[in-house]
Amino acid sequence: MKKLTSIVILGAIGIAVGAYASGQFNTWLPQEMKVGTSSSSLLGNGEVNLQKQDMQLAEKLQPVIACLNDVAGPLSQHAQNYIKEYQHLVATPGSTRIAASFKIKVYEQNNSISRECITQMRNAIAMPPADAGLDKPGQVFADTLEKLIPVMNEADLYYSRKDNIDDQMKKGRKLDEQIMPLFISFFDAEDTLRQTVSERNHSLREKQLVAIEEAYGTENFAWHTLNVSLAARRAVDAISTLAESEQLTGQSIEKIEQAYQAAFDKADAFAKAHPDTKTQLGNAPKWFALSSNFNTFLVGLKDLRRALASDAKQANVEYQLSKLENDYNSMIRNYNMLPDA
């Protein structure tokens, strides 16, 4: 049997909110909640068994997730800022404002983060199992990023020197003609990868939950924590589906809320019955640190349902949707910051 220590997950895939939506994927792609190393049945954090191909897929997803987290997410924000600033610079000749920098991190040298991402993505494509849904957009992602690097560097130099003031954006327009088609190709590939990773990884987590249940049953902290996490994920997906079909109403979201609350209440009752449980390192199970995050997500579901039921203004619904997505992502981020045992 193998310890499940490297599976990763798409945290929130960006709630596509139909009539309310921006239509963009969330830029945060947190890592999967890891199963710890304790063999205690009460913790449920010991060894669990998945099929060899599932373990291979989990390993293949790791570098893809790293690329999406470390490069695509930041670049998406930089690109949005660039587009906004570019429009201003074209409309205002001689403006001293500059377009956004494309550096992933301030300390990055020679595009090291982006170049590492390209290598990681190409390595992932070569890993088994072959998966066209990952491999094809992954190839486009890596190839396009490689083409983007020199153009982004040239744009960074041009705007950092404020040469746009001297040439009245002449070179800036030419750079934009080069960079925008590449951005379109890159972010299309990113969106496809995010969706595919989301689907593959959700399936792996469902199998992980079954494996924990087979090994330890359901009355343990690992099962309850993962079960509530999956219930939250199902809620996000269901809301997205309803929004895309313009069927998101107070009544339609009620069952989603009830399903999540049932999972939360069951886990909460288990935790209250075992308040003194400790891991091998003497820590409290992760549930106790995360329960407030899980509850905050439940509050967000209730607030969204109330806003929809009261025919709230579109801006209020959009706010509640955005807050719910942020609450979900915060939940996953906080989980991943906690020690495994």
Foldseek 3Di string as FASTA:
>chain_A
DDAFAQAFAAQFQAQAQAVLGPPDGQQAGGTDQGQFPFPDLQALRHHFDDDPQLSQVRVLCRLVSLCSNQQVSQQVVLVVQQVVVLVVLLVDALDLDFRGARQSDPPDDPNVSLVVSLVSLVVSCPTDDHDCLRNVLSVLLSVLSVVQVVLSVVSNVCRVVPCCNVVVCPVVVVSCVVNVVSVVSNVVSSSSNNVVRNVSSLVSLVVVLVRSCVSNNCNHLVNLVSVLLNLLRVLSVQSSVCSNVVNDALVSLPVSLVSNVVSLVVNVVSCVVPVCDAGPVGHDRCCVVLNVLSVVLSVLSVLLSVCRHVVHDSVSNSVSSVVNSVSSSVSSVVSVVDDND
